[in-house]
């Protein structure tokens, strides 16, 4: 009878260890995703801070060149892979 009880305790302990391991992996993923969110959030706020003066500036255009210059100032340069959002694997299929 004591062997069965000891085996049952061992099985329960393994289950507890597996649950702890799974929870640690989940928490690790959450921490990683939170870090990515923080980086992205910082980038968005940096971009907003850069364009805020443009939004508050008076928009008076006397010539087509003024319009083009204003448009060029508002363009945000993004890496091509963000614009295309295509990977090599997606191209092949």
Protein backbone atom coordinates (compact mmCIF):
# COMPACT_ATOMS: atom_id res chain seq x y z
CA UNK A 1 0.00 0.00 0.00
CA UNK A 2 2.81 2.46 0.79
CA UNK A 3 4.38 1.87 -2.64
CA UNK A 4 1.15 2.83 -4.35
CA UNK A 5 0.91 5.94 -2.20
CA UNK A 6 4.52 6.90 -2.91
CA UNK A 7 3.99 6.36 -6.65
CA UNK A 8 0.88 8.51 -6.56
CA UNK A 9 2.79 11.28 -4.81
CA UNK A 10 5.56 11.05 -7.43
CA UNK A 11 3.02 11.31 -10.26
CA UNK A 12 1.32 14.27 -8.64
CA UNK A 13 4.71 15.96 -8.09
CA UNK A 14 5.61 15.48 -11.78
CA UNK A 15 2.28 17.03 -12.77
CA UNK A 16 2.97 20.00 -10.51
CA UNK A 17 6.44 20.40 -12.01
CA UNK A 18 4.98 20.23 -15.54
CA UNK A 19 2.40 22.87 -14.67
CA UNK A 20 5.11 25.12 -13.21
CA UNK A 21 7.25 24.66 -16.32
CA UNK A 22 4.31 25.54 -18.58
CA UNK A 23 3.51 28.61 -16.50
CA UNK A 24 7.14 29.76 -16.59
CA UNK A 25 7.15 29.46 -20.40
CA UNK A 26 3.91 31.41 -20.62
CA UNK A 27 5.24 34.13 -18.32
CA UNK A 28 8.47 34.32 -20.30
CA UNK A 29 6.48 34.82 -23.51
CA UNK A 30 4.37 37.53 -21.88
CA UNK A 31 7.50 39.37 -20.70
CA UNK A 32 8.97 39.15 -24.20
CA UNK A 33 5.78 40.44 -25.82
CA UNK A 34 5.59 43.26 -23.27
CA UNK A 35 9.13 44.28 -24.19
CA UNK A 36 8.21 44.32 -27.88
CA UNK A 37 5.16 46.42 -27.08
CA UNK A 38 7.27 48.91 -25.13
CA UNK A 39 9.76 49.24 -28.01
CA UNK A 40 6.95 49.74 -30.54
CA UNK A 41 5.18 52.19 -28.28
CA UNK A 42 8.37 54.23 -27.91
CA UNK A 43 8.85 54.26 -31.68
CA UNK A 44 5.28 55.44 -32.25
CA UNK A 45 5.59 58.22 -29.69
CA UNK A 46 8.93 59.30 -31.17
CA UNK A 47 7.33 59.55 -34.61
CA UNK A 48 4.37 61.48 -33.22
CA UNK A 49 6.73 63.88 -31.46
CA UNK A 50 8.60 64.44 -34.74
CA UNK A 51 5.49 65.25 -36.76
CA UNK A 52 3.63 67.25 -34.11
CA UNK A 53 5.26 70.56 -35.11
CA UNK A 54 4.22 69.91 -38.71
CA UNK A 55 0.63 69.44 -37.66
CA UNK A 56 0.64 72.65 -35.68
CA UNK A 57 2.35 74.72 -38.37
CA UNK A 58 0.13 76.96 -40.48
CA UNK A 59 -0.64 75.47 -43.86
CA UNK A 60 -0.42 78.24 -46.40
CA UNK A 61 0.56 77.18 -49.88
CA UNK A 62 1.15 79.77 -52.56
CA UNK A 63 2.67 77.54 -55.20
CA UNK A 64 2.80 73.93 -56.24
CA UNK A 65 6.39 73.83 -54.97
CA UNK A 66 5.13 74.81 -51.49
CA UNK A 67 2.68 71.90 -51.57
CA UNK A 68 5.39 69.48 -52.68
CA UNK A 69 7.79 70.69 -49.99
CA UNK A 70 5.13 70.28 -47.29
CA UNK A 71 4.31 66.79 -48.55
CA UNK A 72 7.99 65.80 -48.54
CA UNK A 73 8.35 66.96 -44.92
CA UNK A 74 5.45 64.76 -43.81
CA UNK A 75 6.64 61.55 -45.42
CA UNK A 76 7.75 58.91 -42.94
CA UNK A 77 10.56 56.70 -44.09
CA UNK A 78 9.78 53.05 -43.30
CA UNK A 79 11.90 49.99 -43.97
CA UNK A 80 10.77 48.25 -47.13
CA UNK A 81 9.84 45.01 -45.33
CA UNK A 82 7.29 46.91 -43.25
CA UNK A 83 5.77 48.43 -46.35
CA UNK A 84 5.62 45.22 -48.35
CA UNK A 85 4.91 42.86 -45.45
CA UNK A 86 5.99 39.98 -47.65
CA UNK A 87 8.48 37.29 -46.83
CA UNK A 88 10.46 35.10 -49.20
CA UNK A 89 8.23 32.13 -48.34
CA UNK A 90 5.08 34.07 -49.21
CA UNK A 91 6.54 35.01 -52.59
CA UNK A 92 7.25 31.38 -53.46
CA UNK A 93 3.67 30.21 -52.83
